[in-house]
N, C-alpha and C. Protein backbone atom coordinates (compact mmCIF):
# COMPACT_ATOMS: atom_id res chain seq x y z
N MET A 1 105.10 91.61 94.83
CA MET A 1 104.75 92.98 94.97
C MET A 1 104.81 93.40 96.44
N THR A 2 104.28 92.59 97.33
CA THR A 2 104.27 92.93 98.75
C THR A 2 105.72 93.09 99.25
N ARG A 3 106.58 92.16 98.86
CA ARG A 3 107.95 92.22 99.30
C ARG A 3 108.64 93.51 98.83
N ALA A 4 108.36 93.88 97.60
CA ALA A 4 108.99 95.11 97.03
C ALA A 4 108.52 96.37 97.77
N VAL A 5 107.20 96.42 98.08
CA VAL A 5 106.69 97.59 98.81
C VAL A 5 107.27 97.61 100.22
N LEU A 6 107.28 96.49 100.88
CA LEU A 6 107.87 96.42 102.24
C LEU A 6 109.33 96.85 102.21
N ALA A 7 110.05 96.44 101.23
CA ALA A 7 111.49 96.81 101.12
C ALA A 7 111.62 98.32 100.96
N GLN A 8 110.76 98.94 100.17
CA GLN A 8 110.83 100.38 100.02
C GLN A 8 110.49 101.13 101.30
N LEU A 9 109.50 100.62 101.99
CA LEU A 9 109.10 101.23 103.27
C LEU A 9 110.21 101.06 104.28
N GLU A 10 110.86 99.92 104.29
CA GLU A 10 111.98 99.72 105.21
C GLU A 10 113.13 100.63 104.86
N ALA A 11 113.38 100.82 103.57
CA ALA A 11 114.45 101.72 103.14
C ALA A 11 114.16 103.14 103.60
N GLY A 12 112.86 103.47 103.79
CA GLY A 12 112.45 104.77 104.27
C GLY A 12 112.52 104.86 105.80
N GLY A 13 112.94 103.79 106.46
CA GLY A 13 113.12 103.84 107.87
C GLY A 13 112.03 103.23 108.73
N LEU A 14 111.03 102.63 108.09
CA LEU A 14 109.96 102.04 108.88
C LEU A 14 110.33 100.62 109.30
N THR A 15 109.91 100.27 110.53
CA THR A 15 110.22 98.90 111.05
C THR A 15 109.02 98.44 111.85
N GLY A 16 109.01 97.15 112.16
CA GLY A 16 108.05 96.56 113.09
C GLY A 16 106.58 96.85 112.71
N ARG A 17 105.83 97.14 113.75
CA ARG A 17 104.38 97.39 113.58
C ARG A 17 104.12 98.55 112.66
N THR A 18 104.93 99.60 112.73
CA THR A 18 104.72 100.75 111.84
C THR A 18 104.90 100.35 110.39
N LEU A 19 105.81 99.45 110.10
CA LEU A 19 106.03 98.96 108.72
C LEU A 19 104.74 98.29 108.24
N GLY A 20 104.21 97.44 109.07
CA GLY A 20 102.96 96.73 108.68
C GLY A 20 101.79 97.66 108.52
N LEU A 21 101.67 98.63 109.41
CA LEU A 21 100.56 99.57 109.33
C LEU A 21 100.67 100.39 108.04
N ALA A 22 101.88 100.86 107.74
CA ALA A 22 102.10 101.66 106.53
C ALA A 22 101.77 100.84 105.28
N HIS A 23 102.19 99.62 105.23
CA HIS A 23 101.91 98.77 104.08
C HIS A 23 100.44 98.59 103.92
N GLN A 24 99.72 98.28 104.98
CA GLN A 24 98.28 98.06 104.87
C GLN A 24 97.54 99.34 104.48
N ALA A 25 97.98 100.45 104.99
CA ALA A 25 97.35 101.70 104.65
C ALA A 25 97.52 102.03 103.14
N LEU A 26 98.73 101.81 102.64
CA LEU A 26 98.97 102.05 101.20
C LEU A 26 98.17 101.08 100.38
N GLU A 27 98.19 99.81 100.77
CA GLU A 27 97.49 98.80 100.01
C GLU A 27 95.96 99.14 99.94
N GLY A 28 95.40 99.52 101.09
CA GLY A 28 93.98 99.84 101.13
C GLY A 28 93.66 101.07 100.28
N TYR A 29 94.52 102.07 100.33
CA TYR A 29 94.29 103.28 99.54
C TYR A 29 94.33 102.97 98.05
N VAL A 30 95.38 102.27 97.64
CA VAL A 30 95.55 101.97 96.21
C VAL A 30 94.44 101.04 95.69
N VAL A 31 94.19 99.97 96.39
CA VAL A 31 93.17 99.02 95.93
C VAL A 31 91.80 99.68 95.93
N GLY A 32 91.50 100.42 97.02
CA GLY A 32 90.24 101.15 97.09
C GLY A 32 90.03 102.12 95.94
N ALA A 33 91.06 102.84 95.60
CA ALA A 33 90.99 103.82 94.52
C ALA A 33 90.74 103.11 93.18
N ILE A 34 91.41 102.02 93.00
CA ILE A 34 91.23 101.24 91.74
C ILE A 34 89.80 100.69 91.66
N LEU A 35 89.32 100.12 92.75
CA LEU A 35 87.97 99.58 92.74
C LEU A 35 86.93 100.67 92.52
N TRP A 36 87.13 101.78 93.21
CA TRP A 36 86.14 102.89 93.08
C TRP A 36 86.13 103.42 91.66
N ASP A 37 87.33 103.71 91.16
CA ASP A 37 87.41 104.35 89.83
C ASP A 37 87.05 103.41 88.69
N HIS A 38 87.49 102.17 88.76
CA HIS A 38 87.31 101.29 87.60
C HIS A 38 86.22 100.27 87.77
N GLY A 39 85.62 100.21 88.97
CA GLY A 39 84.46 99.33 89.17
C GLY A 39 83.25 99.78 88.36
N GLY A 40 83.17 101.08 88.09
CA GLY A 40 82.08 101.64 87.32
C GLY A 40 82.48 101.97 85.89
N ALA A 41 83.66 101.54 85.47
CA ALA A 41 84.15 101.86 84.12
C ALA A 41 83.17 101.29 83.09
N PRO A 42 82.96 101.95 81.99
CA PRO A 42 83.70 103.13 81.51
C PRO A 42 83.01 104.44 81.95
N ASP A 43 81.99 104.40 82.76
CA ASP A 43 81.24 105.58 83.10
C ASP A 43 81.66 106.21 84.40
N HIS A 44 82.73 105.78 85.03
CA HIS A 44 83.11 106.24 86.35
C HIS A 44 83.41 107.73 86.40
N LEU A 45 84.05 108.29 85.38
CA LEU A 45 84.34 109.70 85.43
C LEU A 45 83.09 110.56 85.22
N ALA A 46 82.18 110.11 84.37
CA ALA A 46 80.94 110.82 84.16
C ALA A 46 80.09 110.81 85.46
N PHE A 47 80.08 109.65 86.14
CA PHE A 47 79.35 109.51 87.41
C PHE A 47 79.91 110.47 88.44
N ARG A 48 81.24 110.49 88.56
CA ARG A 48 81.87 111.34 89.54
C ARG A 48 81.62 112.84 89.23
N ARG A 49 81.77 113.17 87.95
CA ARG A 49 81.56 114.55 87.54
C ARG A 49 80.13 115.00 87.84
N GLU A 50 79.18 114.12 87.61
CA GLU A 50 77.78 114.43 87.86
C GLU A 50 77.53 114.64 89.37
N ARG A 51 78.14 113.84 90.21
CA ARG A 51 78.08 114.03 91.66
C ARG A 51 78.57 115.41 92.08
N TYR A 52 79.70 115.81 91.52
CA TYR A 52 80.23 117.17 91.81
C TYR A 52 79.29 118.24 91.33
N ARG A 53 78.76 118.06 90.10
CA ARG A 53 77.84 119.06 89.53
C ARG A 53 76.61 119.17 90.42
N GLN A 54 76.04 118.09 90.89
CA GLN A 54 74.84 118.13 91.72
C GLN A 54 75.09 118.76 93.10
N SER A 55 76.34 118.78 93.53
CA SER A 55 76.67 119.38 94.83
C SER A 55 76.48 120.90 94.76
N ARG A 56 76.59 121.46 93.58
CA ARG A 56 76.50 122.91 93.33
C ARG A 56 77.52 123.69 94.15
N HIS A 57 78.58 123.00 94.52
CA HIS A 57 79.65 123.68 95.24
C HIS A 57 80.55 124.39 94.24
N PRO A 58 81.02 125.60 94.54
CA PRO A 58 81.85 126.36 93.60
C PRO A 58 83.10 125.60 93.17
N ALA A 59 83.63 124.72 94.00
CA ALA A 59 84.84 123.96 93.62
C ALA A 59 84.59 123.05 92.45
N SER A 60 83.32 122.67 92.23
CA SER A 60 83.02 121.75 91.13
C SER A 60 83.00 122.43 89.77
N GLU A 61 83.05 123.74 89.77
CA GLU A 61 82.97 124.47 88.47
C GLU A 61 84.16 124.23 87.60
N SER A 62 85.32 123.85 88.19
CA SER A 62 86.50 123.64 87.39
C SER A 62 86.51 122.28 86.68
N ILE A 63 85.52 121.46 86.97
CA ILE A 63 85.44 120.12 86.39
C ILE A 63 84.33 120.12 85.33
N GLY A 64 84.60 120.75 84.22
CA GLY A 64 83.59 120.96 83.22
C GLY A 64 83.35 119.84 82.22
N ASP A 65 84.38 119.07 81.93
CA ASP A 65 84.19 117.98 80.96
C ASP A 65 84.95 116.77 81.43
N GLU A 66 84.84 115.70 80.67
CA GLU A 66 85.45 114.40 81.11
C GLU A 66 86.97 114.49 81.19
N ALA A 67 87.60 115.23 80.28
CA ALA A 67 89.06 115.39 80.34
C ALA A 67 89.46 116.10 81.63
N ALA A 68 88.72 117.13 81.99
CA ALA A 68 89.04 117.84 83.24
C ALA A 68 88.80 116.94 84.45
N MET A 69 87.75 116.11 84.39
CA MET A 69 87.44 115.20 85.48
C MET A 69 88.58 114.16 85.58
N ALA A 70 89.06 113.65 84.48
CA ALA A 70 90.15 112.64 84.48
C ALA A 70 91.42 113.25 85.09
N ALA A 71 91.72 114.48 84.73
CA ALA A 71 92.91 115.13 85.29
C ALA A 71 92.74 115.39 86.75
N PHE A 72 91.53 115.81 87.20
CA PHE A 72 91.27 116.04 88.61
C PHE A 72 91.33 114.73 89.39
N ASN A 73 90.81 113.70 88.83
CA ASN A 73 90.82 112.37 89.44
C ASN A 73 92.24 111.89 89.68
N GLU A 74 93.08 112.02 88.68
CA GLU A 74 94.49 111.64 88.78
C GLU A 74 95.21 112.47 89.85
N ALA A 75 94.97 113.79 89.80
CA ALA A 75 95.61 114.68 90.76
C ALA A 75 95.17 114.36 92.20
N SER A 76 93.90 114.02 92.37
CA SER A 76 93.42 113.71 93.74
C SER A 76 94.01 112.41 94.26
N PHE A 77 94.17 111.42 93.37
CA PHE A 77 94.84 110.18 93.76
C PHE A 77 96.27 110.45 94.21
N LEU A 78 97.01 111.21 93.40
CA LEU A 78 98.41 111.51 93.73
C LEU A 78 98.50 112.35 95.01
N PHE A 79 97.55 113.26 95.21
CA PHE A 79 97.50 114.07 96.39
C PHE A 79 97.39 113.20 97.63
N GLY A 80 96.46 112.28 97.61
CA GLY A 80 96.29 111.37 98.77
C GLY A 80 97.48 110.45 98.99
N LEU A 81 98.03 109.93 97.87
CA LEU A 81 99.18 109.06 97.99
C LEU A 81 100.37 109.79 98.55
N ASP A 82 100.59 111.01 98.10
CA ASP A 82 101.71 111.82 98.67
C ASP A 82 101.54 112.02 100.16
N ARG A 83 100.28 112.26 100.59
CA ARG A 83 100.03 112.47 102.02
C ARG A 83 100.32 111.18 102.78
N LEU A 84 99.95 110.05 102.27
CA LEU A 84 100.25 108.76 102.94
C LEU A 84 101.75 108.53 103.00
N LEU A 85 102.42 108.78 101.91
CA LEU A 85 103.88 108.52 101.89
C LEU A 85 104.65 109.49 102.77
N ASP A 86 104.13 110.71 102.97
CA ASP A 86 104.80 111.69 103.78
C ASP A 86 104.43 111.61 105.28
N ALA A 87 103.44 110.76 105.61
CA ALA A 87 102.98 110.67 106.97
C ALA A 87 104.08 110.12 107.88
N HIS A 88 104.11 110.61 109.10
CA HIS A 88 105.10 110.15 110.06
C HIS A 88 104.41 109.44 111.19
N PRO A 89 104.93 108.28 111.58
CA PRO A 89 104.30 107.55 112.70
C PRO A 89 104.39 108.31 113.98
N ASP A 90 103.49 108.05 114.87
CA ASP A 90 103.52 108.68 116.21
C ASP A 90 104.65 108.15 117.02
């Protein structure tokens, strides 16, 4: 798996230290998301939805049920992953 990810990052033009940094950033993001989301399974979505509800922030109003929370959770993961993949090294 590591070799495949490194090859894709290299194909995207990353080399040297930047290649290693990008790989570790992606690895940390993906593994962290998996642990956070599925470490509390099967109640992880209900727990997250309740945290948003307790915040009383208007943005949480769109997360009304577990299906909406699951869709929001997936969208937020992809949002972050896209940002990581589109990041440019200094």
